[in-house]
Amino acid sequence: MQIVKQELIFSTVVSESTDVNDFIVEFMRPEETTGLSPIKVTRNFDELLQFLDDLEDA
């Protein structure tokens, strides 16, 4: 297991979509969970994997 330099909270949103591969994951800092914009939003599996890969490289 690798240590990430910052803690992130994520939330998911489920909505109707014609593409079963579409989804939204919003990443937020723990202290910013109420009413503020996320630091990153991924909308599909490829974006999510790229973001997680970028975290490992940081």
C-alpha atoms as a PDB file:
ATOM      1  CA  MET A   1       0.000   0.000   0.000  1.00  0.00           C
ATOM      2  CA  GLN A   2       1.271   3.448  -0.897  1.00  0.00           C
ATOM      3  CA  ILE A   3       0.870   6.571   1.218  1.00  0.00           C
ATOM      4  CA  VAL A   4      -0.927   9.460  -0.487  1.00  0.00           C
ATOM      5  CA  LYS A   5       0.367  12.930   0.393  1.00  0.00           C
ATOM      6  CA  GLN A   6      -3.117  14.331   0.903  1.00  0.00           C
ATOM      7  CA  GLU A   7      -6.363  12.924   2.207  1.00  0.00           C
ATOM      8  CA  LEU A   8      -9.316  12.996  -0.162  1.00  0.00           C
ATOM      9  CA  ILE A   9     -12.982  12.313   0.393  1.00  0.00           C
ATOM     10  CA  PHE A  10     -14.974  11.065  -2.551  1.00  0.00           C
ATOM     11  CA  SER A  11     -18.638  11.026  -3.353  1.00  0.00           C
ATOM     12  CA  THR A  12     -20.478   9.349  -6.177  1.00  0.00           C
ATOM     13  CA  VAL A  13     -23.490  10.501  -8.120  1.00  0.00           C
ATOM     14  CA  VAL A  14     -25.841   8.075  -9.799  1.00  0.00           C
ATOM     15  CA  SER A  15     -28.065   9.315 -12.592  1.00  0.00           C
ATOM     16  CA  GLU A  16     -29.684   7.948 -15.706  1.00  0.00           C
ATOM     17  CA  SER A  17     -27.297   7.543 -18.598  1.00  0.00           C
ATOM     18  CA  THR A  18     -27.382   5.781 -21.925  1.00  0.00           C
ATOM     19  CA  ASP A  19     -23.770   4.682 -21.436  1.00  0.00           C
ATOM     20  CA  VAL A  20     -23.228   2.130 -18.662  1.00  0.00           C
ATOM     21  CA  ASN A  21     -19.565   3.206 -18.453  1.00  0.00           C
ATOM     22  CA  ASP A  22     -20.353   6.807 -17.432  1.00  0.00           C
ATOM     23  CA  PHE A  23     -20.269   7.793 -13.775  1.00  0.00           C
ATOM     24  CA  ILE A  24     -19.120  10.738 -11.687  1.00  0.00           C
ATOM     25  CA  VAL A  25     -16.677  10.649  -8.777  1.00  0.00           C
ATOM     26  CA  GLU A  26     -15.964  13.938  -7.006  1.00  0.00           C
ATOM     27  CA  PHE A  27     -12.783  14.281  -4.938  1.00  0.00           C
ATOM     28  CA  MET A  28     -12.746  16.851  -2.141  1.00  0.00           C
ATOM     29  CA  ARG A  29     -10.421  17.730   0.701  1.00  0.00           C
ATOM     30  CA  PRO A  30     -11.801  16.556   4.077  1.00  0.00           C
ATOM     31  CA  GLU A  31     -12.214  20.086   5.426  1.00  0.00           C
ATOM     32  CA  GLU A  32     -14.172  21.194   2.329  1.00  0.00           C
ATOM     33  CA  THR A  33     -17.063  18.756   2.289  1.00  0.00           C
ATOM     34  CA  THR A  34     -19.849  21.308   2.532  1.00  0.00           C
ATOM     35  CA  GLY A  35     -20.820  23.461  -0.403  1.00  0.00           C
ATOM     36  CA  LEU A  36     -17.454  23.909  -2.081  1.00  0.00           C
ATOM     37  CA  SER A  37     -16.273  22.731  -5.468  1.00  0.00           C
ATOM     38  CA  PRO A  38     -14.383  19.454  -5.704  1.00  0.00           C
ATOM     39  CA  ILE A  39     -10.670  19.512  -6.520  1.00  0.00           C
ATOM     40  CA  LYS A  40     -11.205  16.826  -9.177  1.00  0.00           C
ATOM     41  CA  VAL A  41     -14.175  15.276 -10.957  1.00  0.00           C
ATOM     42  CA  THR A  42     -13.846  12.087 -12.985  1.00  0.00           C
ATOM     43  CA  ARG A  43     -16.635  11.087 -15.344  1.00  0.00           C
ATOM     44  CA  ASN A  44     -15.580   7.649 -16.508  1.00  0.00           C
ATOM     45  CA  PHE A  45     -13.311   4.762 -15.635  1.00  0.00           C
ATOM     46  CA  ASP A  46     -10.392   5.975 -17.776  1.00  0.00           C
ATOM     47  CA  GLU A  47     -10.370   9.422 -16.115  1.00  0.00           C
ATOM     48  CA  LEU A  48     -10.550   7.799 -12.674  1.00  0.00           C
ATOM     49  CA  LEU A  49      -7.611   5.499 -13.409  1.00  0.00           C
ATOM     50  CA  GLN A  50      -5.557   8.378 -14.812  1.00  0.00           C
ATOM     51  CA  PHE A  51      -6.228  10.510 -11.725  1.00  0.00           C
ATOM     52  CA  LEU A  52      -5.257   7.680  -9.378  1.00  0.00           C
ATOM     53  CA  ASP A  53      -2.136   7.037 -11.437  1.00  0.00           C
ATOM     54  CA  ASP A  54      -1.245  10.736 -11.232  1.00  0.00           C
ATOM     55  CA  LEU A  55      -1.607  10.584  -7.436  1.00  0.00           C
ATOM     56  CA  GLU A  56       0.895   7.737  -7.278  1.00  0.00           C
ATOM     57  CA  ASP A  57       3.391   9.707  -9.378  1.00  0.00           C
ATOM     58  CA  ALA A  58       3.101  12.844  -7.224  1.00  0.00           C
END
